[in-house]
PDB file of N, CA and C in Angstrom:
ATOM      1  N   MET A   1      51.825-191.796 -30.594  1.00  0.00           N
ATOM      2  CA  MET A   1      52.861-190.851 -30.996  1.00  0.00           C
ATOM      3  C   MET A   1      52.374-189.441 -30.675  1.00  0.00           C
ATOM      4  N   SER A   2      53.264-188.617 -30.184  1.00  0.00           N
ATOM      5  CA  SER A   2      52.888-187.219 -29.942  1.00  0.00           C
ATOM      6  C   SER A   2      53.627-186.328 -30.941  1.00  0.00           C
ATOM      7  N   TRP A   3      53.086-185.153 -31.137  1.00  0.00           N
ATOM      8  CA  TRP A   3      53.586-184.228 -32.159  1.00  0.00           C
ATOM      9  C   TRP A   3      53.978-182.905 -31.527  1.00  0.00           C
ATOM     10  N   GLU A   4      54.883-182.202 -32.209  1.00  0.00           N
ATOM     11  CA  GLU A   4      55.145-180.808 -31.884  1.00  0.00           C
ATOM     12  C   GLU A   4      54.776-179.996 -33.117  1.00  0.00           C
ATOM     13  N   TYR A   5      54.401-178.739 -32.900  1.00  0.00           N
ATOM     14  CA  TYR A   5      53.881-177.906 -33.979  1.00  0.00           C
ATOM     15  C   TYR A   5      54.668-176.615 -34.096  1.00  0.00           C
ATOM     16  N   LYS A   6      54.647-176.058 -35.302  1.00  0.00           N
ATOM     17  CA  LYS A   6      55.313-174.774 -35.597  1.00  0.00           C
ATOM     18  C   LYS A   6      54.373-173.997 -36.499  1.00  0.00           C
ATOM     19  N   ILE A   7      54.307-172.687 -36.268  1.00  0.00           N
ATOM     20  CA  ILE A   7      53.497-171.814 -37.119  1.00  0.00           C
ATOM     21  C   ILE A   7      54.408-170.745 -37.706  1.00  0.00           C
ATOM     22  N   ALA A   8      54.263-170.503 -39.010  1.00  0.00           N
ATOM     23  CA  ALA A   8      55.019-169.459 -39.697  1.00  0.00           C
ATOM     24  C   ALA A   8      54.028-168.563 -40.433  1.00  0.00           C
ATOM     25  N   ILE A   9      54.313-167.275 -40.444  1.00  0.00           N
ATOM     26  CA  ILE A   9      53.444-166.283 -41.082  1.00  0.00           C
ATOM     27  C   ILE A   9      54.166-165.688 -42.293  1.00  0.00           C
ATOM     28  N   VAL A  10      53.454-165.612 -43.429  1.00  0.00           N
ATOM     29  CA  VAL A  10      53.993-164.996 -44.647  1.00  0.00           C
ATOM     30  C   VAL A  10      53.013-163.918 -45.102  1.00  0.00           C
ATOM     31  N   LYS A  11      53.521-162.735 -45.365  1.00  0.00           N
ATOM     32  CA  LYS A  11      52.682-161.641 -45.873  1.00  0.00           C
ATOM     33  C   LYS A  11      52.107-161.997 -47.232  1.00  0.00           C
ATOM     34  N   VAL A  12      50.876-161.588 -47.471  1.00  0.00           N
ATOM     35  CA  VAL A  12      50.219-161.787 -48.759  1.00  0.00           C
ATOM     36  C   VAL A  12      50.212-160.445 -49.476  1.00  0.00           C
ATOM     37  N   LEU A  13      50.590-160.462 -50.744  1.00  0.00           N
ATOM     38  CA  LEU A  13      50.625-159.232 -51.530  1.00  0.00           C
ATOM     39  C   LEU A  13      49.254-158.957 -52.123  1.00  0.00           C
ATOM     40  N   LYS A  14      48.842-157.717 -52.134  1.00  0.00           N
ATOM     41  CA  LYS A  14      47.558-157.365 -52.738  1.00  0.00           C
ATOM     42  C   LYS A  14      47.771-157.040 -54.211  1.00  0.00           C
ATOM     43  N   GLY A  15      47.138-157.848 -55.069  1.00  0.00           N
ATOM     44  CA  GLY A  15      47.194-157.608 -56.508  1.00  0.00           C
ATOM     45  C   GLY A  15      46.051-156.702 -56.911  1.00  0.00           C
ATOM     46  N   GLN A  16      45.841-156.524 -58.190  1.00  0.00           N
ATOM     47  CA  GLN A  16      44.785-155.640 -58.666  1.00  0.00           C
ATOM     48  C   GLN A  16      43.404-156.161 -58.296  1.00  0.00           C
ATOM     49  N   ALA A  17      43.128-157.439 -58.512  1.00  0.00           N
ATOM     50  CA  ALA A  17      41.793-157.961 -58.245  1.00  0.00           C
ATOM     51  C   ALA A  17      41.820-159.177 -57.317  1.00  0.00           C
ATOM     52  N   LYS A  18      43.001-159.566 -56.874  1.00  0.00           N
ATOM     53  CA  LYS A  18      43.102-160.758 -56.044  1.00  0.00           C
ATOM     54  C   LYS A  18      44.299-160.656 -55.110  1.00  0.00           C
ATOM     55  N   LEU A  19      44.332-161.547 -54.156  1.00  0.00           N
ATOM     56  CA  LEU A  19      45.491-161.634 -53.274  1.00  0.00           C
ATOM     57  C   LEU A  19      46.433-162.699 -53.821  1.00  0.00           C
ATOM     58  N   LYS A  20      47.719-162.518 -53.639  1.00  0.00           N
ATOM     59  CA  LYS A  20      48.670-163.531 -54.084  1.00  0.00           C
ATOM     60  C   LYS A  20      49.806-163.626 -53.076  1.00  0.00           C
ATOM     61  N   PHE A  21      50.437-164.795 -53.032  1.00  0.00           N
ATOM     62  CA  PHE A  21      51.561-165.019 -52.140  1.00  0.00           C
ATOM     63  C   PHE A  21      52.827-164.415 -52.715  1.00  0.00           C
ATOM     64  N   ASP A  22      53.716-164.015 -51.831  1.00  0.00           N
ATOM     65  CA  ASP A  22      55.087-163.713 -52.223  1.00  0.00           C
ATOM     66  C   ASP A  22      55.736-165.090 -52.369  1.00  0.00           C
ATOM     67  N   THR A  23      55.612-165.695 -53.564  1.00  0.00           N
ATOM     68  CA  THR A  23      55.980-167.102 -53.751  1.00  0.00           C
ATOM     69  C   THR A  23      57.451-167.384 -53.470  1.00  0.00           C
ATOM     70  N   ASP A  24      58.328-166.467 -53.825  1.00  0.00           N
ATOM     71  CA  ASP A  24      59.756-166.687 -53.549  1.00  0.00           C
ATOM     72  C   ASP A  24      59.984-166.841 -52.055  1.00  0.00           C
ATOM     73  N   LYS A  25      59.366-165.964 -51.264  1.00  0.00           N
ATOM     74  CA  LYS A  25      59.528-166.018 -49.810  1.00  0.00           C
ATOM     75  C   LYS A  25      58.884-167.283 -49.247  1.00  0.00           C
ATOM     76  N   ALA A  26      57.714-167.655 -49.756  1.00  0.00           N
ATOM     77  CA  ALA A  26      57.011-168.848 -49.269  1.00  0.00           C
ATOM     78  C   ALA A  26      57.814-170.113 -49.584  1.00  0.00           C
ATOM     79  N   VAL A  27      58.341-170.237 -50.788  1.00  0.00           N
ATOM     80  CA  VAL A  27      59.122-171.413 -51.171  1.00  0.00           C
ATOM     81  C   VAL A  27      60.390-171.502 -50.329  1.00  0.00           C
ATOM     82  N   LYS A  28      61.058-170.378 -50.124  1.00  0.00           N
ATOM     83  CA  LYS A  28      62.268-170.369 -49.295  1.00  0.00           C
ATOM     84  C   LYS A  28      61.937-170.837 -47.877  1.00  0.00           C
ATOM     85  N   LEU A  29      60.845-170.323 -47.319  1.00  0.00           N
ATOM     86  CA  LEU A  29      60.405-170.713 -45.982  1.00  0.00           C
ATOM     87  C   LEU A  29      60.112-172.215 -45.920  1.00  0.00           C
ATOM     88  N   LEU A  30      59.344-172.730 -46.878  1.00  0.00           N
ATOM     89  CA  LEU A  30      58.981-174.156 -46.884  1.00  0.00           C
ATOM     90  C   LEU A  30      60.212-175.050 -46.997  1.00  0.00           C
ATOM     91  N   ASN A  31      61.144-174.706 -47.860  1.00  0.00           N
ATOM     92  CA  ASN A  31      62.367-175.500 -48.009  1.00  0.00           C
ATOM     93  C   ASN A  31      63.223-175.461 -46.748  1.00  0.00           C
ATOM     94  N   GLU A  32      63.324-174.294 -46.140  1.00  0.00           N
ATOM     95  CA  GLU A  32      64.122-174.137 -44.926  1.00  0.00           C
ATOM     96  C   GLU A  32      63.533-174.966 -43.778  1.00  0.00           C
ATOM     97  N   ILE A  33      62.233-174.881 -43.584  1.00  0.00           N
ATOM     98  CA  ILE A  33      61.576-175.616 -42.503  1.00  0.00           C
ATOM     99  C   ILE A  33      61.571-177.111 -42.794  1.00  0.00           C
ATOM    100  N   GLY A  34      61.400-177.487 -44.052  1.00  0.00           N
ATOM    101  CA  GLY A  34      61.406-178.900 -44.432  1.00  0.00           C
ATOM    102  C   GLY A  34      62.717-179.600 -44.136  1.00  0.00           C
ATOM    103  N   LYS A  35      63.826-178.870 -44.178  1.00  0.00           N
ATOM    104  CA  LYS A  35      65.132-179.462 -43.866  1.00  0.00           C
ATOM    105  C   LYS A  35      65.184-179.977 -42.430  1.00  0.00           C
ATOM    106  N   SER A  36      64.357-179.416 -41.573  1.00  0.00           N
ATOM    107  CA  SER A  36      64.312-179.842 -40.169  1.00  0.00           C
ATOM    108  C   SER A  36      63.204-180.865 -39.925  1.00  0.00           C
ATOM    109  N   GLU A  37      62.737-181.475 -41.013  1.00  0.00           N
ATOM    110  CA  GLU A  37      61.737-182.545 -40.976  1.00  0.00           C
ATOM    111  C   GLU A  37      60.347-182.109 -40.511  1.00  0.00           C
ATOM    112  N   TRP A  38      60.025-180.830 -40.690  1.00  0.00           N
ATOM    113  CA  TRP A  38      58.672-180.351 -40.418  1.00  0.00           C
ATOM    114  C   TRP A  38      57.806-180.668 -41.629  1.00  0.00           C
ATOM    115  N   GLU A  39      56.578-181.093 -41.401  1.00  0.00           N
ATOM    116  CA  GLU A  39      55.618-181.403 -42.453  1.00  0.00           C
ATOM    117  C   GLU A  39      54.521-180.341 -42.458  1.00  0.00           C
ATOM    118  N   LEU A  40      54.279-179.742 -43.620  1.00  0.00           N
ATOM    119  CA  LEU A  40      53.209-178.750 -43.755  1.00  0.00           C
ATOM    120  C   LEU A  40      51.865-179.466 -43.664  1.00  0.00           C
ATOM    121  N   ILE A  41      51.001-179.021 -42.731  1.00  0.00           N
ATOM    122  CA  ILE A  41      49.705-179.677 -42.573  1.00  0.00           C
ATOM    123  C   ILE A  41      48.523-178.761 -42.848  1.00  0.00           C
ATOM    124  N   ASP A  42      48.747-177.439 -42.889  1.00  0.00           N
ATOM    125  CA  ASP A  42      47.623-176.540 -43.108  1.00  0.00           C
ATOM    126  C   ASP A  42      48.118-175.153 -43.502  1.00  0.00           C
ATOM    127  N   VAL A  43      47.321-174.459 -44.305  1.00  0.00           N
ATOM    128  CA  VAL A  43      47.587-173.056 -44.655  1.00  0.00           C
ATOM    129  C   VAL A  43      46.269-172.312 -44.518  1.00  0.00           C
ATOM    130  N   ASN A  44      46.282-171.200 -43.784  1.00  0.00           N
ATOM    131  CA  ASN A  44      45.084-170.366 -43.604  1.00  0.00           C
ATOM    132  C   ASN A  44      45.407-168.930 -43.945  1.00  0.00           C
ATOM    133  N   LEU A  45      44.487-168.270 -44.599  1.00  0.00           N
ATOM    134  CA  LEU A  45      44.618-166.852 -44.880  1.00  0.00           C
ATOM    135  C   LEU A  45      43.997-166.091 -43.712  1.00  0.00           C
ATOM    136  N   VAL A  46      44.807-165.262 -43.060  1.00  0.00           N
ATOM    137  CA  VAL A  46      44.356-164.483 -41.906  1.00  0.00           C
ATOM    138  C   VAL A  46      44.636-163.017 -42.213  1.00  0.00           C
ATOM    139  N   GLY A  47      43.596-162.301 -42.629  1.00  0.00           N
ATOM    140  CA  GLY A  47      43.794-160.907 -43.023  1.00  0.00           C
ATOM    141  C   GLY A  47      44.729-160.830 -44.212  1.00  0.00           C
ATOM    142  N   SER A  48      45.829-160.107 -44.054  1.00  0.00           N
ATOM    143  CA  SER A  48      46.791-159.961 -45.146  1.00  0.00           C
ATOM    144  C   SER A  48      47.996-160.883 -44.971  1.00  0.00           C
ATOM    145  N   GLU A  49      47.822-161.960 -44.196  1.00  0.00           N
ATOM    146  CA  GLU A  49      48.912-162.895 -43.959  1.00  0.00           C
ATOM    147  C   GLU A  49      48.434-164.340 -44.168  1.00  0.00           C
ATOM    148  N   ALA A  50      49.372-165.184 -44.575  1.00  0.00           N
ATOM    149  CA  ALA A  50      49.103-166.615 -44.677  1.00  0.00           C
ATOM    150  C   ALA A  50      49.778-167.288 -43.488  1.00  0.00           C
ATOM    151  N   MET A  51      49.028-168.135 -42.795  1.00  0.00           N
ATOM    152  CA  MET A  51      49.556-168.842 -41.639  1.00  0.00           C
ATOM    153  C   MET A  51      49.798-170.301 -42.035  1.00  0.00           C
ATOM    154  N   PHE A  52      51.055-170.712 -42.034  1.00  0.00           N
ATOM    155  CA  PHE A  52      51.456-172.071 -42.360  1.00  0.00           C
ATOM    156  C   PHE A  52      51.618-172.841 -41.052  1.00  0.00           C
ATOM    157  N   THR A  53      50.987-174.010 -40.943  1.00  0.00           N
ATOM    158  CA  THR A  53      51.108-174.841 -39.747  1.00  0.00           C
ATOM    159  C   THR A  53      51.854-176.119 -40.121  1.00  0.00           C
ATOM    160  N   PHE A  54      52.862-176.457 -39.313  1.00  0.00           N
ATOM    161  CA  PHE A  54      53.706-177.620 -39.538  1.00  0.00           C
ATOM    162  C   PHE A  54      53.664-178.539 -38.323  1.00  0.00           C
ATOM    163  N   LYS A  55      53.973-179.826 -38.532  1.00  0.00           N
ATOM    164  CA  LYS A  55      54.116-180.746 -37.408  1.00  0.00           C
ATOM    165  C   LYS A  55      55.258-181.710 -37.688  1.00  0.00           C
ATOM    166  N   ARG A  56      55.777-182.300 -36.627  1.00  0.00           N
ATOM    167  CA  ARG A  56      56.759-183.374 -36.717  1.00  0.00           C
ATOM    168  C   ARG A  56      56.667-184.193 -35.434  1.00  0.00           C
ATOM    169  N   PRO A  57      57.123-185.443 -35.479  1.00  0.00           N
ATOM    170  CA  PRO A  57      57.059-186.258 -34.266  1.00  0.00           C
ATOM    171  C   PRO A  57      57.886-185.621 -33.146  1.00  0.00           C
ATOM    172  N   ARG A  58      57.317-185.651 -31.968  1.00  0.00           N
ATOM    173  CA  ARG A  58      58.016-185.124 -30.793  1.00  0.00           C
ATOM    174  C   ARG A  58      59.034-186.165 -30.348  1.00  0.00           C
ATOM    175  N   GLU A  59      60.213-185.694 -29.982  1.00  0.00           N
ATOM    176  CA  GLU A  59      61.211-186.604 -29.450  1.00  0.00           C
ATOM    177  C   GLU A  59      60.727-187.104 -28.092  1.00  0.00           C
ATOM    178  N   GLN A  60      61.191-188.280 -27.703  1.00  0.00           N
ATOM    179  CA  GLN A  60      60.804-188.819 -26.395  1.00  0.00           C
ATOM    180  C   GLN A  60      61.165-187.805 -25.321  1.00  0.00           C
ATOM    181  N   ARG A  61      60.247-187.584 -24.406  1.00  0.00           N
ATOM    182  CA  ARG A  61      60.524-186.641 -23.326  1.00  0.00           C
ATOM    183  C   ARG A  61      60.268-187.335 -22.006  1.00  0.00           C
ATOM    184  N   ASP A  62      60.835-186.798 -20.985  1.00  0.00           N
ATOM    185  CA  ASP A  62      60.634-187.329 -19.640  1.00  0.00           C
ATOM    186  C   ASP A  62      59.159-187.203 -19.287  1.00  0.00           C
ATOM    187  N   GLU A  63      58.523-188.306 -18.923  1.00  0.00           N
ATOM    188  CA  GLU A  63      57.093-188.295 -18.609  1.00  0.00           C
ATOM    189  C   GLU A  63      56.770-187.387 -17.431  1.00  0.00           C
ATOM    190  N   ALA A  64      57.743-187.089 -16.586  1.00  0.00           N
ATOM    191  CA  ALA A  64      57.510-186.222 -15.437  1.00  0.00           C
ATOM    192  C   ALA A  64      57.443-184.750 -15.855  1.00  0.00           C
ATOM    193  N   GLU A  65      57.928-184.445 -17.045  1.00  0.00           N
ATOM    194  CA  GLU A  65      57.938-183.061 -17.524  1.00  0.00           C
ATOM    195  C   GLU A  65      56.489-182.613 -17.790  1.00  0.00           C
ATOM    196  N   PRO A  66      56.085-181.462 -17.234  1.00  0.00           N
ATOM    197  CA  PRO A  66      54.699-181.001 -17.458  1.00  0.00           C
ATOM    198  C   PRO A  66      54.477-180.615 -18.912  1.00  0.00           C
ATOM    199  N   LEU A  67      53.274-180.840 -19.393  1.00  0.00           N
ATOM    200  CA  LEU A  67      52.937-180.493 -20.765  1.00  0.00           C
ATOM    201  C   LEU A  67      52.934-178.989 -20.954  1.00  0.00           C
ATOM    202  N   TRP A  68      52.369-178.237 -20.011  1.00  0.00           N
ATOM    203  CA  TRP A  68      52.302-176.770 -20.090  1.00  0.00           C
ATOM    204  C   TRP A  68      53.159-176.181 -18.983  1.00  0.00           C
ATOM    205  N   LYS A  69      53.942-175.186 -19.317  1.00  0.00           N
ATOM    206  CA  LYS A  69      54.806-174.541 -18.323  1.00  0.00           C
ATOM    207  C   LYS A  69      54.330-173.143 -18.050  1.00  0.00           C
TER     208      LYS A  69
END
């Protein structure tokens, strides 16, 4: 099985002594992407942003189609 991937970036808010997510925005993003059958597989903090990585099964494609364009 092959997969396709999607990356979404969410700003992280700076609190007094810690970093925190804008949870309303993150939940809205996760629900919206989940409707399209994307599965969350990883979250990384990159500077002042959180990088969400998603995957889902790739639809069958023509084998003649190049992987990289």
